[in-house]
């Protein structure tokens, strides 16, 4: 509810697809690649309050959740660190929105 309240009731009309919504929140990194070589890696700017609520929800789900997404998180967590896994799960959650 906090995410919808922050983004507005018509957020689904303002973004053409899930990737644009993720970029609007600021969950997607802004990587600059040229010729297959990574030139810059930085966090993209977005709505920091929505990003905070989304990451908090992902952390709570990682601890208390169950189901398909929790299984995916556990598998991803086996080969990545905790914060990278939380960020990846938050992106999956916002794409579902």
N, C-alpha and C. Protein backbone atom coordinates (compact mmCIF):
# COMPACT_ATOMS: atom_id res chain seq x y z
N UNK A 1 0.82 -1.19 0.00
CA UNK A 1 0.00 0.00 0.00
C UNK A 1 0.87 1.27 0.00
N UNK A 2 2.01 1.20 0.72
CA UNK A 2 2.87 2.38 0.76
C UNK A 2 3.48 2.67 -0.60
N UNK A 3 3.80 1.62 -1.34
CA UNK A 3 4.39 1.82 -2.67
C UNK A 3 3.37 2.45 -3.61
N UNK A 4 2.15 1.97 -3.57
CA UNK A 4 1.10 2.53 -4.42
C UNK A 4 0.80 3.97 -4.00
N UNK A 5 0.79 4.23 -2.68
CA UNK A 5 0.53 5.59 -2.21
C UNK A 5 1.64 6.54 -2.65
N UNK A 6 2.87 6.09 -2.64
CA UNK A 6 3.99 6.94 -3.03
C UNK A 6 4.03 7.17 -4.54
N UNK A 7 3.78 6.14 -5.32
CA UNK A 7 3.87 6.25 -6.78
C UNK A 7 2.62 6.85 -7.41
N UNK A 8 1.51 6.82 -6.70
CA UNK A 8 0.26 7.33 -7.24
C UNK A 8 -0.63 6.17 -7.69
N UNK A 9 -1.91 6.40 -7.70
CA UNK A 9 -2.86 5.34 -8.04
C UNK A 9 -2.77 4.91 -9.50
N UNK A 10 -2.28 5.79 -10.37
CA UNK A 10 -2.20 5.46 -11.80
C UNK A 10 -0.78 5.14 -12.24
N UNK A 11 0.02 4.57 -11.35
CA UNK A 11 1.42 4.30 -11.70
C UNK A 11 1.54 3.33 -12.86
N UNK A 12 0.59 2.43 -13.00
CA UNK A 12 0.66 1.44 -14.09
C UNK A 12 0.42 2.08 -15.44
N UNK A 13 -0.18 3.26 -15.49
CA UNK A 13 -0.39 3.96 -16.76
C UNK A 13 0.83 4.80 -17.15
N UNK A 14 1.63 5.21 -16.17
CA UNK A 14 2.77 6.08 -16.45
C UNK A 14 3.99 5.32 -16.96
N UNK A 15 4.06 4.02 -16.69
CA UNK A 15 5.22 3.23 -17.11
C UNK A 15 4.77 2.22 -18.15
N UNK A 16 5.52 2.12 -19.26
CA UNK A 16 5.10 1.27 -20.37
C UNK A 16 5.31 -0.22 -20.09
N UNK A 17 6.30 -0.57 -19.26
CA UNK A 17 6.53 -1.97 -18.94
C UNK A 17 7.17 -2.09 -17.56
N UNK A 18 7.42 -3.31 -17.14
CA UNK A 18 7.96 -3.57 -15.80
C UNK A 18 9.37 -3.04 -15.64
N UNK A 19 10.16 -3.08 -16.71
CA UNK A 19 11.53 -2.58 -16.62
C UNK A 19 11.56 -1.07 -16.41
N UNK A 20 10.65 -0.35 -17.06
CA UNK A 20 10.58 1.09 -16.87
C UNK A 20 10.15 1.43 -15.45
N UNK A 21 9.24 0.64 -14.89
CA UNK A 21 8.83 0.85 -13.50
C UNK A 21 9.99 0.59 -12.56
N UNK A 22 10.77 -0.47 -12.80
CA UNK A 22 11.93 -0.77 -11.98
C UNK A 22 12.96 0.35 -12.04
N UNK A 23 13.15 0.90 -13.22
CA UNK A 23 14.11 2.00 -13.37
C UNK A 23 13.59 3.26 -12.69
N UNK A 24 12.28 3.48 -12.71
CA UNK A 24 11.70 4.63 -12.03
C UNK A 24 11.86 4.55 -10.52
N UNK A 25 11.85 3.36 -9.99
CA UNK A 25 12.07 3.18 -8.55
C UNK A 25 13.55 3.33 -8.22
N UNK A 26 14.41 2.85 -9.08
CA UNK A 26 15.84 2.95 -8.84
C UNK A 26 16.47 1.63 -8.44
N UNK A 27 15.82 0.53 -8.75
CA UNK A 27 16.32 -0.79 -8.38
C UNK A 27 17.28 -1.34 -9.43
N UNK A 28 17.20 -0.83 -10.65
CA UNK A 28 18.02 -1.31 -11.76
C UNK A 28 19.34 -0.53 -11.79
N UNK A 29 20.48 -1.21 -11.86
CA UNK A 29 21.73 -0.47 -11.96
C UNK A 29 21.90 0.16 -13.34
N UNK A 30 22.58 1.28 -13.38
CA UNK A 30 22.84 1.97 -14.65
C UNK A 30 24.26 1.62 -15.08
N UNK A 31 24.41 0.58 -15.86
CA UNK A 31 25.72 0.15 -16.34
C UNK A 31 25.95 0.71 -17.74
N UNK A 32 27.16 1.19 -17.99
CA UNK A 32 27.54 1.63 -19.32
C UNK A 32 28.52 0.62 -19.88
N UNK A 33 28.14 -0.02 -20.99
CA UNK A 33 28.94 -1.07 -21.61
C UNK A 33 29.27 -0.64 -23.03
N UNK A 34 30.52 -0.83 -23.43
CA UNK A 34 30.93 -0.55 -24.79
C UNK A 34 31.83 -1.68 -25.26
N UNK A 35 31.40 -2.35 -26.29
CA UNK A 35 32.18 -3.45 -26.84
C UNK A 35 32.31 -4.62 -25.89
N UNK A 36 31.31 -4.83 -25.05
CA UNK A 36 31.35 -5.92 -24.09
C UNK A 36 32.15 -5.61 -22.84
N UNK A 37 32.72 -4.41 -22.75
CA UNK A 37 33.52 -4.02 -21.60
C UNK A 37 32.71 -3.07 -20.73
N UNK A 38 32.69 -3.34 -19.42
CA UNK A 38 31.97 -2.51 -18.47
C UNK A 38 32.76 -1.24 -18.19
N UNK A 39 32.18 -0.09 -18.55
CA UNK A 39 32.86 1.18 -18.36
C UNK A 39 32.50 1.83 -17.02
N UNK A 40 31.21 1.89 -16.70
CA UNK A 40 30.74 2.50 -15.46
C UNK A 40 29.66 1.64 -14.85
N UNK A 41 29.65 1.58 -13.54
CA UNK A 41 28.58 0.91 -12.82
C UNK A 41 28.17 1.82 -11.67
N UNK A 42 26.93 2.25 -11.70
CA UNK A 42 26.43 3.11 -10.64
C UNK A 42 24.96 2.81 -10.42
N UNK A 43 24.48 3.17 -9.26
CA UNK A 43 23.07 2.99 -8.95
C UNK A 43 22.28 4.06 -9.67
N UNK A 44 21.17 3.68 -10.27
CA UNK A 44 20.35 4.67 -10.95
C UNK A 44 19.53 5.45 -9.92
N UNK A 45 19.22 6.66 -10.26
CA UNK A 45 18.42 7.49 -9.37
C UNK A 45 16.97 7.09 -9.52
N UNK A 46 16.23 7.23 -8.47
CA UNK A 46 14.82 6.90 -8.48
C UNK A 46 14.17 7.42 -7.22
N UNK A 47 13.02 6.91 -6.92
CA UNK A 47 12.29 7.30 -5.74
C UNK A 47 12.85 6.53 -4.55
N UNK A 48 13.59 7.21 -3.68
CA UNK A 48 14.28 6.53 -2.59
C UNK A 48 13.32 5.97 -1.55
N UNK A 49 12.17 6.62 -1.34
CA UNK A 49 11.21 6.12 -0.35
C UNK A 49 10.57 4.82 -0.82
N UNK A 50 10.24 4.75 -2.10
CA UNK A 50 9.66 3.52 -2.64
C UNK A 50 10.70 2.41 -2.62
N UNK A 51 11.94 2.75 -2.95
CA UNK A 51 13.01 1.76 -2.93
C UNK A 51 13.21 1.22 -1.52
N UNK A 52 13.15 2.08 -0.51
CA UNK A 52 13.29 1.65 0.87
C UNK A 52 12.18 0.68 1.26
N UNK A 53 10.93 1.02 0.92
CA UNK A 53 9.80 0.15 1.27
C UNK A 53 9.88 -1.18 0.54
N UNK A 54 10.32 -1.15 -0.69
CA UNK A 54 10.44 -2.38 -1.47
C UNK A 54 11.54 -3.28 -0.92
N UNK A 55 12.68 -2.70 -0.57
CA UNK A 55 13.76 -3.50 0.02
C UNK A 55 13.37 -4.03 1.39
N UNK A 56 12.63 -3.26 2.17
CA UNK A 56 12.15 -3.73 3.48
C UNK A 56 11.20 -4.90 3.32
N UNK A 57 10.32 -4.82 2.34
CA UNK A 57 9.39 -5.92 2.08
C UNK A 57 10.15 -7.16 1.62
N UNK A 58 11.18 -6.99 0.81
CA UNK A 58 11.97 -8.13 0.34
C UNK A 58 12.72 -8.78 1.50
N UNK A 59 13.27 -7.96 2.41
CA UNK A 59 13.97 -8.51 3.57
C UNK A 59 13.01 -9.29 4.46
N UNK A 60 11.82 -8.75 4.69
CA UNK A 60 10.83 -9.44 5.52
C UNK A 60 10.41 -10.75 4.86
N UNK A 61 10.23 -10.73 3.54
CA UNK A 61 9.84 -11.94 2.84
C UNK A 61 10.96 -12.97 2.85
N UNK A 62 12.20 -12.51 2.80
CA UNK A 62 13.33 -13.45 2.84
C UNK A 62 13.39 -14.18 4.17
N UNK A 63 12.97 -13.53 5.23
CA UNK A 63 12.99 -14.16 6.56
C UNK A 63 11.75 -15.00 6.82
N UNK A 64 10.57 -14.45 6.52
CA UNK A 64 9.32 -15.09 6.92
C UNK A 64 8.52 -15.68 5.77
N UNK A 65 8.94 -15.50 4.54
CA UNK A 65 8.15 -15.93 3.39
C UNK A 65 8.23 -17.42 3.13
N UNK A 66 7.39 -17.86 2.20
CA UNK A 66 7.40 -19.25 1.74
C UNK A 66 6.84 -19.29 0.32
N UNK A 67 7.07 -20.37 -0.36
CA UNK A 67 6.56 -20.51 -1.72
C UNK A 67 7.66 -20.45 -2.76
N UNK A 68 7.24 -20.18 -3.99
CA UNK A 68 8.15 -20.20 -5.13
C UNK A 68 9.22 -19.11 -5.03
N UNK A 69 8.84 -17.91 -4.64
CA UNK A 69 9.80 -16.81 -4.55
C UNK A 69 10.82 -17.04 -3.45
N UNK A 70 10.41 -17.61 -2.35
CA UNK A 70 11.34 -17.93 -1.26
C UNK A 70 12.34 -19.00 -1.71
N UNK A 71 11.87 -19.99 -2.44
CA UNK A 71 12.77 -21.01 -2.99
C UNK A 71 13.77 -20.42 -3.96
N UNK A 72 13.30 -19.49 -4.81
CA UNK A 72 14.19 -18.82 -5.74
C UNK A 72 15.24 -18.02 -4.98
N UNK A 73 14.82 -17.31 -3.91
CA UNK A 73 15.75 -16.51 -3.11
C UNK A 73 16.82 -17.40 -2.48
N UNK A 74 16.42 -18.54 -1.94
CA UNK A 74 17.39 -19.45 -1.30
C UNK A 74 18.41 -19.97 -2.31
N UNK A 75 17.94 -20.30 -3.51
CA UNK A 75 18.87 -20.77 -4.54
C UNK A 75 19.82 -19.66 -4.99
N UNK A 76 19.31 -18.46 -5.16
CA UNK A 76 20.15 -17.33 -5.57
C UNK A 76 21.13 -16.98 -4.46
N UNK A 77 20.69 -17.08 -3.23
CA UNK A 77 21.52 -16.75 -2.07
C UNK A 77 22.68 -17.73 -1.92
N UNK A 78 22.54 -18.94 -2.45
CA UNK A 78 23.61 -19.93 -2.32
C UNK A 78 24.86 -19.53 -3.11
N UNK A 79 24.73 -18.68 -4.14
CA UNK A 79 25.90 -18.27 -4.92
C UNK A 79 26.10 -16.77 -4.97
N UNK A 80 25.34 -15.98 -4.21
CA UNK A 80 25.52 -14.52 -4.18
C UNK A 80 25.42 -14.06 -2.73
N UNK A 81 25.91 -12.85 -2.48
CA UNK A 81 25.81 -12.35 -1.11
C UNK A 81 24.38 -11.92 -0.79
N UNK A 82 24.13 -11.63 0.47
CA UNK A 82 22.78 -11.36 0.95
C UNK A 82 22.17 -10.12 0.31
N UNK A 83 22.91 -9.03 0.25
CA UNK A 83 22.35 -7.78 -0.27
C UNK A 83 22.06 -7.87 -1.77
N UNK A 84 22.89 -8.58 -2.50
CA UNK A 84 22.64 -8.76 -3.94
C UNK A 84 21.38 -9.61 -4.14
N UNK A 85 21.20 -10.62 -3.30
CA UNK A 85 20.01 -11.47 -3.40
C UNK A 85 18.75 -10.69 -3.02
N UNK A 86 18.84 -9.82 -2.01
CA UNK A 86 17.70 -9.00 -1.61
C UNK A 86 17.34 -8.02 -2.73
N UNK A 87 18.33 -7.41 -3.34
CA UNK A 87 18.07 -6.47 -4.44
C UNK A 87 17.43 -7.19 -5.62
N UNK A 88 17.90 -8.39 -5.92
CA UNK A 88 17.32 -9.16 -7.03
C UNK A 88 15.88 -9.56 -6.72
N UNK A 89 15.61 -9.94 -5.47
CA UNK A 89 14.24 -10.31 -5.11
C UNK A 89 13.33 -9.08 -5.11
N UNK A 90 13.84 -7.93 -4.70
CA UNK A 90 13.01 -6.72 -4.73
C UNK A 90 12.66 -6.35 -6.17
N UNK A 91 13.59 -6.56 -7.09
CA UNK A 91 13.28 -6.28 -8.49
C UNK A 91 12.21 -7.24 -9.01
N UNK A 92 12.29 -8.49 -8.62
CA UNK A 92 11.24 -9.43 -9.02
C UNK A 92 9.89 -9.03 -8.45
N UNK A 93 9.91 -8.53 -7.22
CA UNK A 93 8.65 -8.12 -6.58
C UNK A 93 8.08 -6.88 -7.27
N UNK A 94 8.91 -5.92 -7.64
CA UNK A 94 8.36 -4.72 -8.28
C UNK A 94 7.91 -5.01 -9.71
N UNK A 95 8.52 -5.97 -10.37
CA UNK A 95 8.04 -6.35 -11.69
C UNK A 95 6.68 -7.03 -11.61
N UNK A 96 6.42 -7.68 -10.49
CA UNK A 96 5.09 -8.26 -10.29
C UNK A 96 4.03 -7.18 -10.08
N UNK A 97 4.44 -6.05 -9.50
CA UNK A 97 3.48 -4.95 -9.32
C UNK A 97 3.06 -4.40 -10.67
